[in-house]
Protein backbone atom coordinates (compact mmCIF):
# COMPACT_ATOMS: atom_id res chain seq x y z
CA MET A 1 7.58 -9.17 19.29
CA THR A 2 5.05 -6.55 18.26
CA ALA A 3 1.53 -7.29 17.01
CA ALA A 4 2.50 -6.08 13.52
CA GLU A 5 5.44 -8.50 13.42
CA ARG A 6 3.18 -11.36 14.51
CA VAL A 7 0.81 -10.57 11.64
CA VAL A 8 3.70 -10.65 9.15
CA LEU A 9 5.08 -13.92 10.51
CA ARG A 10 1.62 -15.48 10.37
CA ILE A 11 1.44 -14.68 6.67
CA ALA A 12 5.01 -15.95 6.21
CA ARG A 13 4.24 -19.30 7.85
CA PRO A 14 3.90 -21.29 4.57
CA TRP A 15 7.41 -20.19 3.61
CA LEU A 16 8.92 -20.48 7.09
CA SER A 17 11.10 -23.47 6.15
CA ARG A 18 12.67 -21.42 3.34
CA LEU A 19 13.41 -18.59 5.79
CA VAL A 20 14.93 -21.02 8.28
CA GLY A 21 17.11 -22.39 5.49
CA ALA A 22 18.20 -18.87 4.58
CA GLY A 23 19.03 -18.21 8.24
CA LEU A 24 21.15 -21.34 8.49
CA LEU A 25 22.96 -20.43 5.28
CA ALA A 26 23.60 -16.93 6.68
CA ALA A 27 24.99 -18.47 9.87
CA GLY A 28 27.14 -20.81 7.78
CA THR A 29 28.47 -17.82 5.85
CA GLU A 30 29.45 -16.00 9.05
CA LEU A 31 30.99 -19.14 10.53
CA ALA A 32 32.98 -19.73 7.34
CA GLY A 33 34.29 -16.17 7.57
CA LEU A 34 35.14 -16.58 11.24
CA ALA A 35 36.89 -19.90 10.62
CA LEU A 36 38.71 -18.40 7.64
CA MET A 37 40.10 -15.57 9.78
CA ALA A 38 41.16 -17.94 12.58
CA THR A 39 42.74 -20.50 10.23
CA ALA A 40 44.56 -17.87 8.19
CA THR A 41 45.91 -16.31 11.41
CA TRP A 42 47.18 -19.71 12.64
CA LEU A 43 48.71 -20.36 9.22
CA LEU A 44 50.59 -17.04 9.13
CA ILE A 45 51.91 -17.32 12.69
CA THR A 46 52.92 -20.95 12.25
CA ALA A 47 54.51 -20.32 8.85
CA ALA A 48 56.71 -17.63 10.44
CA GLY A 49 58.50 -20.43 12.29
CA GLN A 50 59.38 -22.11 8.92
CA PRO A 51 58.02 -25.59 9.74
CA PRO A 52 57.94 -28.34 7.09
CA VAL A 53 55.48 -27.57 4.31
CA ALA A 54 53.60 -30.78 5.08
CA ALA A 55 52.66 -29.31 8.46
CA LEU A 56 50.89 -26.44 6.72
CA THR A 57 49.11 -28.39 3.96
CA VAL A 58 45.88 -28.95 5.86
CA ALA A 59 45.69 -25.28 6.87
CA ILE A 60 46.37 -24.10 3.31
CA VAL A 61 43.63 -26.33 1.93
CA ALA A 62 41.27 -25.22 4.73
CA VAL A 63 41.85 -21.52 3.93
CA ARG A 64 41.11 -22.09 0.25
CA THR A 65 38.04 -24.18 1.06
CA LEU A 66 36.66 -21.70 3.57
CA ALA A 67 37.21 -18.75 1.20
CA ILE A 68 35.29 -20.52 -1.57
CA ALA A 69 32.62 -21.78 0.85
CA ARG A 70 32.02 -18.29 2.20
CA GLY A 71 31.24 -16.91 -1.25
CA VAL A 72 29.08 -19.90 -2.23
CA LEU A 73 27.15 -19.82 1.04
CA ARG A 74 26.57 -16.06 0.77
CA TYR A 75 25.22 -16.39 -2.76
CA THR A 76 23.01 -19.34 -1.80
CA GLU A 77 21.74 -17.52 1.28
CA ARG A 78 20.81 -14.46 -0.79
CA LEU A 79 19.09 -16.66 -3.36
CA ALA A 80 17.12 -18.65 -0.76
CA GLY A 81 16.24 -15.58 1.32
CA HIS A 82 15.03 -13.48 -1.57
CA ASP A 83 13.10 -16.39 -3.05
CA ALA A 84 11.18 -16.81 0.20
CA VAL A 85 10.69 -13.08 0.81
CA LEU A 86 9.50 -12.30 -2.72
CA ARG A 87 6.87 -15.03 -2.37
CA ILE A 88 5.75 -13.53 0.92
CA ILE A 89 5.73 -9.98 -0.47
CA THR A 90 3.57 -11.11 -3.38
CA GLU A 91 1.01 -12.48 -0.92
CA VAL A 92 1.18 -9.35 1.26
CA ARG A 93 0.69 -6.97 -1.67
CA ALA A 94 -2.20 -9.04 -3.02
CA ARG A 95 -3.93 -8.92 0.37
CA ILE A 96 -3.37 -5.19 0.82
CA PHE A 97 -4.61 -4.42 -2.68
CA ALA A 98 -7.73 -6.54 -2.06
CA THR A 99 -8.37 -4.72 1.22
CA LEU A 100 -7.83 -1.24 -0.21
CA SER A 101 -10.03 -1.96 -3.22
CA SER A 102 -12.91 -3.49 -1.26
CA ARG A 103 -13.14 -1.63 2.03
CA PRO A 104 -15.35 1.43 2.52
CA THR A 105 -13.83 4.77 1.57
CA ARG A 106 -12.22 6.75 4.37
CA ALA A 107 -11.22 10.37 4.61
CA THR A 108 -7.58 9.29 4.88
CA ASP A 109 -7.68 7.13 1.74
CA ARG A 110 -5.67 9.41 -0.52
CA SER A 111 -4.20 7.74 -3.58
CA GLY A 112 -0.63 8.76 -2.71
CA ASP A 113 -0.93 7.35 0.80
CA ALA A 114 -2.47 4.13 -0.54
CA LEU A 115 0.45 3.85 -2.98
CA SER A 116 2.90 4.41 -0.13
CA ARG A 117 1.29 1.59 1.85
CA LEU A 118 1.34 -0.72 -1.15
CA VAL A 119 4.97 -0.01 -2.12
CA SER A 120 7.30 1.52 0.49
CA ASP A 121 5.43 0.22 3.55
CA VAL A 122 5.30 -3.30 2.10
CA ASP A 123 9.04 -3.04 1.50
CA ALA A 124 9.27 -2.83 5.28
CA VAL A 125 8.02 -6.43 5.41
CA GLN A 126 10.86 -7.42 3.11
CA ASP A 127 13.38 -5.56 5.26
CA LEU A 128 11.99 -7.14 8.43
CA LEU A 129 12.64 -10.61 7.10
CA LEU A 130 15.91 -10.05 5.20
CA ARG A 131 17.58 -7.40 7.34
CA VAL A 132 16.23 -8.18 10.80
CA LEU A 133 15.01 -11.75 11.21
CA VAL A 134 17.52 -13.70 9.10
CA PRO A 135 20.74 -11.81 10.06
CA GLY A 136 19.62 -11.52 13.68
CA ALA A 137 19.09 -15.27 14.04
CA ALA A 138 22.38 -15.98 12.23
CA ALA A 139 24.32 -13.58 14.46
CA GLY A 140 22.91 -15.19 17.62
CA LEU A 141 23.89 -18.68 16.44
CA VAL A 142 27.40 -17.57 15.41
CA ALA A 143 27.95 -15.82 18.77
CA ALA A 144 27.05 -18.98 20.68
CA LEU A 145 29.37 -21.14 18.57
CA ALA A 146 32.18 -18.57 18.83
CA VAL A 147 32.07 -18.70 22.64
CA LEU A 148 32.08 -22.50 22.48
CA GLY A 149 35.12 -22.47 20.15
CA ALA A 150 37.00 -20.00 22.38
CA GLY A 151 36.25 -22.21 25.37
CA LEU A 152 37.90 -25.14 23.62
CA LEU A 153 41.06 -23.12 22.92
CA SER A 154 41.27 -21.29 26.24
CA PRO A 155 38.40 -21.65 28.73
CA PRO A 156 39.21 -18.45 30.68
CA ALA A 157 39.22 -16.42 27.43
CA ALA A 158 35.64 -17.48 26.69
CA LEU A 159 34.35 -15.31 29.57
CA PRO A 160 35.46 -11.86 28.25
CA LEU A 161 34.41 -12.95 24.76
CA ALA A 162 30.94 -13.84 26.01
CA ALA A 163 30.73 -10.50 27.85
CA GLY A 164 31.77 -8.58 24.73
CA LEU A 165 29.26 -10.48 22.59
CA LEU A 166 26.49 -9.75 25.09
CA LEU A 167 27.32 -6.05 24.99
CA ALA A 168 27.48 -6.09 21.18
CA GLY A 169 24.38 -8.24 20.74
CA VAL A 170 22.13 -6.94 23.52
CA LEU A 171 23.19 -3.58 24.97
CA LEU A 172 24.15 -1.82 21.74
CA PRO A 173 21.02 -3.01 19.87
CA TRP A 174 18.85 -1.77 22.75
CA LEU A 175 20.69 1.56 22.74
CA ALA A 176 20.34 1.91 18.97
CA SER A 177 16.62 1.14 19.17
CA ALA A 178 16.04 3.60 22.02
CA LEU A 179 17.87 6.43 20.25
CA THR A 180 16.03 5.99 16.94
CA ARG A 181 12.51 5.00 18.06
CA ARG A 182 10.92 8.46 18.17
CA THR A 183 12.53 9.68 14.95
CA ALA A 184 11.75 6.46 13.09
CA ALA A 185 8.08 6.68 14.09
CA GLU A 186 7.80 9.97 12.18
CA VAL A 187 9.42 8.77 8.97
CA ALA A 188 6.80 6.39 7.50
CA PRO A 189 3.79 8.77 7.83
CA LEU A 190 5.94 11.58 6.45
CA ARG A 191 6.85 9.46 3.42
CA GLY A 192 3.14 8.74 2.90
CA ALA A 193 2.33 12.46 3.09
CA LEU A 194 5.12 13.22 0.62
CA ALA A 195 3.71 10.60 -1.75
CA VAL A 196 0.32 12.37 -1.53
CA ASP A 197 2.04 15.67 -2.35
CA ALA A 198 3.73 14.08 -5.36
CA VAL A 199 0.42 12.75 -6.68
CA ASP A 200 -1.30 16.11 -6.10
CA LEU A 201 1.48 18.02 -7.86
CA THR A 202 1.47 15.62 -10.81
CA ALA A 203 -2.22 14.89 -11.30
CA GLY A 204 -3.39 18.35 -10.27
CA ALA A 205 -0.73 20.42 -12.05
CA ALA A 206 -3.22 22.09 -14.39
CA ASP A 207 -5.65 23.02 -11.59
CA LEU A 208 -2.86 24.32 -9.36
CA ALA A 209 -1.54 26.47 -12.20
CA ALA A 210 -5.02 27.77 -13.03
CA PHE A 211 -5.55 29.00 -9.47
CA GLY A 212 -1.98 30.20 -8.93
CA ALA A 213 -1.42 27.62 -6.20
CA THR A 214 1.57 25.82 -7.72
CA ASP A 215 4.18 27.67 -5.67
CA ALA A 216 2.29 27.07 -2.42
CA ALA A 217 1.90 23.36 -3.19
CA LEU A 218 5.58 23.08 -4.13
CA ALA A 219 6.59 24.87 -0.95
CA LYS A 220 4.46 22.50 1.12
CA ALA A 221 6.00 19.45 -0.56
CA ALA A 222 9.51 20.92 -0.25
CA GLY A 223 8.94 21.51 3.46
CA ARG A 224 7.95 17.88 3.95
CA ALA A 225 10.93 16.71 1.89
CA ALA A 226 13.27 18.85 3.98
CA GLU A 227 11.78 17.49 7.20
CA LEU A 228 12.16 13.92 5.91
CA ALA A 229 15.80 14.61 4.98
CA ARG A 230 16.42 16.07 8.45
CA LEU A 231 14.99 13.00 10.15
CA GLU A 232 16.99 10.65 7.94
CA ARG A 233 20.18 12.61 8.69
CA ARG A 234 19.45 12.23 12.39
CA LEU A 235 18.98 8.48 11.97
CA ALA A 236 22.25 8.29 10.00
CA LEU A 237 24.10 10.22 12.72
CA VAL A 238 22.80 7.90 15.44
CA GLY A 239 23.80 4.92 13.31
CA TRP A 240 27.28 6.31 12.82
CA ALA A 241 27.72 6.85 16.55
CA VAL A 242 26.48 3.36 17.48
CA ASP A 243 28.63 1.75 14.78
CA GLY A 244 31.65 3.62 16.11
CA ALA A 245 30.90 2.34 19.60
CA GLY A 246 30.71 -1.16 18.14
CA VAL A 247 34.18 -0.84 16.60
CA LEU A 248 35.61 0.32 19.93
CA LEU A 249 33.84 -2.54 21.69
CA ALA A 250 35.34 -5.09 19.28
CA GLY A 251 38.83 -3.78 20.00
CA ALA A 252 38.28 -3.70 23.76
CA THR A 253 36.88 -7.25 23.75
CA ALA A 254 39.85 -8.54 21.73
CA ALA A 255 42.25 -6.88 24.17
CA ALA A 256 40.47 -8.44 27.14
CA VAL A 257 40.52 -11.88 25.50
CA VAL A 258 44.27 -11.59 24.73
CA LEU A 259 45.15 -10.52 28.28
CA THR A 260 43.04 -13.29 29.78
CA ALA A 261 44.53 -15.94 27.47
CA LEU A 262 48.09 -14.81 28.19
CA HIS A 263 47.41 -14.85 31.91
CA ALA A 264 46.07 -18.39 31.57
CA GLY A 265 49.29 -19.50 29.84
CA THR A 266 47.79 -20.05 26.39
CA SER A 267 50.37 -20.43 23.62
CA GLY A 268 51.21 -17.40 21.51
CA THR A 269 49.81 -18.93 18.32
CA LEU A 270 46.44 -19.60 19.93
CA VAL A 271 46.42 -16.12 21.48
CA GLY A 272 46.76 -14.65 18.00
CA VAL A 273 43.96 -16.90 16.74
CA LEU A 274 41.75 -15.84 19.66
CA ALA A 275 42.44 -12.14 19.05
CA VAL A 276 41.53 -12.20 15.37
CA GLY A 277 38.62 -14.58 15.96
CA THR A 278 37.26 -12.30 18.68
CA ILE A 279 37.23 -9.30 16.36
CA ALA A 280 35.44 -11.33 13.69
CA ALA A 281 32.92 -12.73 16.20
CA VAL A 282 32.08 -9.32 17.68
CA GLU A 283 31.68 -7.82 14.20
CA SER A 284 29.28 -10.64 13.40
CA ALA A 285 27.31 -9.91 16.59
CA LEU A 286 27.18 -6.22 15.65
CA ALA A 287 24.80 -7.27 12.87
CA LEU A 288 22.22 -7.32 15.67
CA VAL A 289 22.78 -3.56 16.10
CA GLY A 290 21.86 -2.96 12.48
CA ALA A 291 18.93 -5.36 12.80
CA ALA A 292 17.62 -3.55 15.90
CA ARG A 293 18.00 -0.14 14.27
CA GLN A 294 16.27 -1.41 11.13
CA ARG A 295 13.46 -2.96 13.17
CA THR A 296 12.82 0.31 14.97
CA GLN A 297 12.73 2.24 11.71
CA LEU A 298 10.29 -0.28 10.26
CA GLY A 299 7.89 -0.21 13.20
CA THR A 300 5.50 2.46 11.93
CA ALA A 301 5.47 1.14 8.37
CA LEU A 302 4.76 -2.39 9.63
CA SER A 303 1.89 -1.06 11.74
CA ARG A 304 0.38 0.66 8.68
CA VAL A 305 0.67 -2.60 6.76
CA SER A 306 -0.68 -4.81 9.54
CA VAL A 307 -3.83 -2.69 9.81
CA LEU A 308 -4.68 -3.81 6.28
CA LEU A 309 -3.71 -7.43 6.90
CA ALA A 310 -4.87 -8.30 10.39
CA ASP A 311 -8.62 -8.57 9.92
CA PRO A 312 -10.02 -7.04 6.75
CA SER A 313 -13.55 -8.27 7.40
CA PRO A 314 -14.79 -5.25 9.39
CA ASP A 315 -13.72 -2.95 6.55
CA ALA A 316 -14.53 -5.18 3.62
CA GLY A 317 -17.63 -3.24 2.63
CA VAL A 318 -21.30 -3.43 3.46
CA ALA A 319 -22.56 -6.96 3.70
CA ALA A 320 -25.08 -7.84 1.04
CA VAL A 321 -28.67 -8.22 2.28
CA THR A 322 -31.26 -10.14 0.31
CA GLY A 323 -34.38 -8.41 -0.94
CA THR A 324 -35.25 -5.43 -3.09
CA PRO A 325 -32.23 -3.12 -3.43
CA GLY A 326 -32.39 0.18 -1.60
CA LEU A 327 -31.75 2.10 1.59
CA ASP A 328 -33.63 2.01 4.87
CA ALA A 329 -33.08 4.85 7.36
CA VAL A 330 -29.42 5.23 6.36
CA SER A 331 -27.16 7.82 7.98
CA VAL A 332 -23.47 8.50 7.23
CA THR A 333 -20.93 10.67 9.09
CA TYR A 334 -17.40 10.78 7.68
CA ARG A 335 -15.61 12.32 10.66
CA SER A 336 -16.34 12.45 14.35
CA GLY A 337 -17.95 15.76 15.24
CA ALA A 338 -18.73 16.66 11.62
CA ALA A 339 -22.22 17.14 10.24
CA PRO A 340 -23.71 13.94 8.76
CA ALA A 341 -23.33 13.49 5.01
CA LEU A 342 -26.63 11.57 4.95
CA ARG A 343 -29.43 11.62 7.52
CA ASP A 344 -32.13 8.96 7.75
CA VAL A 345 -32.50 8.38 3.99
CA THR A 346 -34.90 5.67 2.77
CA LEU A 347 -35.19 4.59 -0.85
CA ARG A 348 -36.79 1.55 -2.53
CA LEU A 349 -35.55 0.44 -5.95
CA PRO A 350 -37.63 -2.34 -7.51
CA ALA A 351 -36.95 -3.30 -11.15
CA GLY A 352 -37.87 -0.59 -13.64
CA ARG A 353 -38.03 2.26 -11.11
CA ARG A 354 -36.44 5.57 -12.14
CA VAL A 355 -35.21 7.83 -9.33
CA ALA A 356 -33.35 11.13 -9.73
CA VAL A 357 -31.35 12.68 -6.89
CA VAL A 358 -30.79 16.43 -7.04
CA GLY A 359 -29.74 19.19 -4.71
CA PRO A 360 -27.03 21.80 -4.14
CA SER A 361 -23.36 20.87 -4.16
CA GLY A 362 -22.35 19.09 -0.97
CA ALA A 363 -25.88 17.92 -0.24
CA GLY A 364 -24.84 14.25 -0.07
CA LYS A 365 -25.80 13.02 -3.55
CA SER A 366 -22.55 11.22 -4.35
CA THR A 367 -22.44 9.78 -0.82
CA LEU A 368 -25.88 8.26 -1.40
CA LEU A 369 -24.59 6.51 -4.55
CA ALA A 370 -21.44 5.35 -2.73
CA VAL A 371 -23.54 3.82 0.06
CA LEU A 372 -25.73 2.05 -2.50
CA ALA A 373 -22.64 0.61 -4.21
CA GLY A 374 -21.07 -0.49 -0.92
CA ALA A 375 -18.10 1.88 -1.19
CA VAL A 376 -19.08 3.73 2.01
CA ARG A 377 -20.33 2.02 5.17
CA PRO A 378 -23.33 3.72 6.81
CA ASP A 379 -23.28 4.51 10.52
CA SER A 380 -26.86 3.31 10.87
CA GLY A 381 -29.61 1.84 8.73
CA THR A 382 -29.73 -1.02 6.24
CA VAL A 383 -28.43 -1.21 2.68
CA VAL A 384 -29.74 -3.95 0.40
CA GLY A 385 -27.64 -4.98 -2.60
CA ALA A 386 -24.50 -3.07 -1.63
CA GLY A 387 -21.12 -4.62 -2.39
CA ASP A 388 -22.41 -6.74 -5.29
CA PRO A 389 -21.69 -5.01 -8.63
CA HIS A 390 -24.25 -7.21 -10.37
CA ARG A 391 -26.94 -5.85 -8.07
CA VAL A 392 -25.79 -2.21 -7.79
CA GLY A 393 -23.21 -0.67 -10.12
CA GLY A 394 -22.69 2.00 -12.73
CA LEU A 395 -20.98 5.31 -13.41
CA PHE A 396 -19.42 7.28 -10.59
CA ALA A 397 -17.86 10.73 -10.58
CA ASP A 398 -14.34 9.30 -10.21
CA ALA A 399 -14.72 6.61 -12.90
CA HIS A 400 -11.23 5.70 -14.13
CA VAL A 401 -10.31 5.17 -17.77
CA PHE A 402 -7.27 2.93 -18.21
CA HIS A 403 -4.39 3.41 -20.63
CA ALA A 404 -5.67 0.62 -22.88
CA PRO A 405 -7.84 0.08 -25.97
CA VAL A 406 -11.52 0.96 -25.85
CA ARG A 407 -12.45 -2.72 -25.87
CA ASP A 408 -10.33 -3.53 -22.79
CA ASN A 409 -11.80 -0.57 -20.89
CA LEU A 410 -15.32 -1.78 -21.62
CA LEU A 411 -14.72 -5.47 -20.95
CA LEU A 412 -13.87 -4.63 -17.33
CA ALA A 413 -17.63 -4.53 -16.79
CA ARG A 414 -18.41 -7.81 -18.56
CA PRO A 415 -15.42 -9.83 -19.81
CA ASP A 416 -17.63 -12.17 -21.86
CA ALA A 417 -19.41 -9.39 -23.76
CA SER A 418 -19.59 -9.79 -27.54
CA ASP A 419 -19.08 -7.06 -30.14
CA ASP A 420 -22.88 -6.82 -30.45
CA ASP A 421 -23.14 -6.21 -26.68
CA LEU A 422 -20.47 -3.52 -26.91
CA ALA A 423 -22.22 -1.88 -29.83
CA ALA A 424 -25.62 -1.86 -28.11
CA ALA A 425 -24.23 -0.26 -24.93
CA ALA A 426 -22.13 2.23 -26.93
CA ALA A 427 -25.16 3.21 -29.04
CA ALA A 428 -27.22 3.94 -25.92
CA ALA A 429 -24.37 6.09 -24.55
CA GLY A 430 -23.91 7.93 -27.85
CA PHE A 431 -20.40 6.51 -28.20
CA LEU A 432 -20.82 4.10 -31.11
CA ASP A 433 -20.44 6.68 -33.92
CA TRP A 434 -17.10 7.82 -32.52
CA VAL A 435 -15.82 4.25 -32.26
CA GLN A 436 -16.87 3.40 -35.81
CA ASN A 437 -15.10 6.50 -37.12
CA GLN A 438 -11.75 5.39 -35.66
CA PRO A 439 -9.33 3.52 -37.98
CA VAL A 440 -9.03 0.56 -35.59
CA GLY A 441 -12.44 0.79 -33.94
CA TRP A 442 -12.63 -0.96 -30.59
CA GLU A 443 -8.83 -1.31 -30.49
CA THR A 444 -8.31 2.47 -30.33
CA GLU A 445 -5.94 3.43 -27.49
CA VAL A 446 -7.50 6.03 -25.18
CA GLY A 447 -4.30 7.19 -23.42
CA GLU A 448 -3.54 7.56 -19.73
CA ASP A 449 -6.79 8.25 -17.86
CA GLY A 450 -8.47 8.76 -21.24
CA GLY A 451 -6.11 11.57 -22.20
CA GLN A 452 -6.56 10.91 -25.95
CA LEU A 453 -10.32 11.52 -25.66
CA SER A 454 -12.26 14.73 -25.29
CA GLY A 455 -14.17 15.22 -22.05
CA GLY A 456 -17.45 14.22 -23.67
CA GLN A 457 -15.96 11.12 -25.32
CA ARG A 458 -14.39 10.03 -22.06
CA GLN A 459 -17.74 10.40 -20.30
CA ARG A 460 -19.49 8.40 -23.01
CA LEU A 461 -16.90 5.62 -22.71
CA ALA A 462 -17.41 5.42 -18.94
CA LEU A 463 -21.19 5.43 -19.44
CA THR A 464 -20.92 2.63 -22.00
CA ARG A 465 -19.01 0.54 -19.49
CA ALA A 466 -21.69 1.17 -16.86
CA LEU A 467 -24.49 0.15 -19.26
CA LEU A 468 -22.60 -3.00 -20.25
CA LEU A 469 -22.61 -4.17 -16.62
CA ARG A 470 -26.44 -4.49 -16.58
CA PRO A 471 -26.89 -4.48 -12.79
CA GLU A 472 -30.26 -4.64 -11.05
CA VAL A 473 -29.78 -1.00 -10.07
CA LEU A 474 -27.83 1.28 -12.42
CA VAL A 475 -26.39 4.26 -10.53
CA LEU A 476 -25.29 7.23 -12.61
CA ASP A 477 -23.41 10.23 -11.23
CA GLU A 478 -23.68 13.11 -13.72
CA PRO A 479 -23.63 10.78 -16.77
CA THR A 480 -24.09 13.63 -19.26
CA GLU A 481 -21.44 15.94 -17.82
CA GLY A 482 -19.39 17.51 -20.60
CA LEU A 483 -22.13 17.09 -23.23
CA ASP A 484 -24.07 19.91 -24.84
CA PRO A 485 -27.77 20.15 -23.74
CA GLY A 486 -29.18 18.52 -26.87
CA ALA A 487 -26.75 15.59 -26.73
CA ALA A 488 -27.26 15.25 -22.98
CA ASP A 489 -31.03 14.94 -23.35
CA ALA A 490 -30.65 12.41 -26.18
CA VAL A 491 -28.14 10.28 -24.24
CA LEU A 492 -30.30 10.30 -21.09
CA ALA A 493 -33.37 9.23 -23.04
CA ALA A 494 -31.42 6.42 -24.73
CA VAL A 495 -30.05 5.21 -21.39
CA LEU A 496 -33.53 5.12 -19.86
CA ALA A 497 -34.86 3.16 -22.83
CA ALA A 498 -31.97 0.67 -22.79
CA THR A 499 -32.09 -0.09 -19.04
CA PRO A 500 -34.66 -2.64 -17.84
CA GLY A 501 -33.56 -2.44 -14.20
CA ALA A 502 -33.89 0.39 -11.72
CA ILE A 503 -31.94 3.63 -12.25
CA VAL A 504 -30.66 6.13 -9.69
CA LEU A 505 -29.47 9.32 -11.39
CA VAL A 506 -27.54 12.08 -9.66
CA THR A 507 -27.61 15.26 -11.72
CA HIS A 508 -27.59 19.04 -11.64
CA ARG A 509 -29.67 19.24 -14.85
CA LEU A 510 -33.41 19.13 -14.23
CA ASN A 511 -34.33 18.79 -17.92
CA GLY A 512 -35.50 15.32 -18.87
CA LEU A 513 -36.60 14.35 -15.36
CA ASP A 514 -40.33 14.50 -16.13
CA GLY A 515 -40.23 10.76 -16.98
CA PHE A 516 -38.82 9.72 -13.60
CA ASP A 517 -40.97 7.94 -11.02
CA GLU A 518 -39.50 9.91 -8.13
CA ILE A 519 -37.15 12.82 -7.58
CA LEU A 520 -35.32 13.25 -4.25
CA VAL A 521 -34.11 16.72 -3.30
CA LEU A 522 -31.22 16.50 -0.81
CA ASP A 523 -29.94 19.33 1.34
CA ALA A 524 -27.30 18.85 4.05
CA GLY A 525 -27.80 15.10 3.82
CA ARG A 526 -31.58 15.19 4.37
CA VAL A 527 -34.36 14.51 1.90
CA VAL A 528 -36.17 17.86 1.99
CA GLN A 529 -38.47 17.17 -0.97
CA ARG A 530 -39.53 14.11 -2.93
CA GLY A 531 -42.05 13.49 -5.67
CA ARG A 532 -42.50 13.61 -9.43
CA HIS A 533 -41.25 16.49 -11.59
CA ALA A 534 -44.68 18.08 -12.05
CA ASP A 535 -45.39 17.98 -8.30
CA LEU A 536 -42.05 19.54 -7.34
CA VAL A 537 -42.31 22.30 -9.93
CA ALA A 538 -45.68 23.22 -8.43
CA ARG A 539 -44.34 23.46 -4.86
CA PRO A 540 -42.26 26.30 -3.44
CA GLY A 541 -38.71 25.21 -2.71
CA TRP A 542 -35.25 24.56 -4.10
CA TYR A 543 -36.46 22.42 -7.02
CA ARG A 544 -38.88 25.02 -8.41
CA ASP A 545 -36.34 27.81 -8.00
CA GLN A 546 -33.63 25.79 -9.73
CA TRP A 547 -36.00 24.75 -12.53
CA SER A 548 -36.94 28.39 -13.20
CA THR A 549 -33.28 29.43 -13.22
CA GLN A 550 -32.28 26.70 -15.65
CA GLN A 551 -35.17 27.49 -17.98
CA GLY A 552 -34.08 31.13 -17.96
CA TYR A 553 -30.53 30.14 -18.94
CA LEU A 554 -31.86 27.95 -21.75
CA ALA A 555 -34.04 30.77 -23.04
CA ILE A 556 -31.07 33.12 -23.15
CA ALA A 557 -28.89 30.48 -24.82
CA THR A 558 -31.45 29.84 -27.56
């Protein structure tokens, strides 16, 4: 048993009795089918001799009973198995969602891949239990009882039957697993990559079209889809070949059992029963071939799931540290061998302190906010307040707006907020006038990802939600993006006035920063300048050059 399978079974432990019950029902179903075939064969052969009807009554009733029992047992087994598995899947998905939503961001955490882990990879857990564990256990039990039954009818015939069942239940499953292992290992990651392509093509359709990259993106996705289809065809071909070998094995085993029984002097009626029973028993054991093939195909997907289930604590975010929020000698590197995104950054954020973070694109500004919020784990240094949204929280560049009314989007920050609280936060963000002008006010639907709002309105809604949270440290990543200069200055001033706690503002606009206590200039992850607006404007460097450029643009615009 692999480590991934042990993780799944550990989670399934509370429902293990239900799974055992489903396995016993599955075994009962197979045994009912096997007994039905054997009894019906005896009945037909015996009836050919035209005995008294009374001699056939028990067999007739048994055939009817077994036929009904098989259907009832199959239905009950499906009901019990799916009941147990759906309970387990609910727990697994809840745990994976909690891990994905709380752990530090990684370079590989693309939304399509996360969706693939949460949906198709979790389905692998369901398949492991319903298509591998339950039928595999049932097939093993039925095989053992079939050999015992054959031994009662003709002891010598039990030996070739046992040999055939071993070949069908051990050799063929091993062969199927060996032939599909390498191909199956490539399927799950490829499905995840294809899910990423689908998300990129859907969510980024406008950007791809604007840059003429749609055809290239489609070709890339089509190439992955073709490769996935090729691998699945290969798996299907191997399955067809192994299944064909299983059919031949069933026939060969039945022939061996018949010859052995005849040689032992077994009556013709019982020989016929043994022949048909052997075919049914071997076919039941061949379920282990399908289970082995399925298990191999699920291996990679189960590994991807188990990574998120085994021990989420190391990736659960940055542990909260008591004291004044801030950073102390923090460094972050996203990938081995890459340049650090942050290098030895220290920042203190007592209540009421206003800090602006500026610098060229790619300097590490958004990474600094993500570290403060606990979304990214630093490689070294200490972060105080991270991981607690009531200590550090706010507006980030990727803030999501849900397909729901304005009120529901805002109450995510503070579910107990009153209409007065909503109005105060919306007024500070410059969003209240828009809300009051809507026919249904706070109940206005904003559309998928805020699609019914303009860019500026969407930004104001996200800013309102951040203000409503009222954390000790309010972090704002380009809060006035999409607003005209006059509105941006007014909104920033209102936010500063409405926030009693500390503020960390990431921005490209240098207007309005003269009221900040400190301005950090980042470049390549390092703090290259820090001080108040007046001091930085007086010093040579990036800040003074950028300030002069922006003032020139404003002069031209006015």
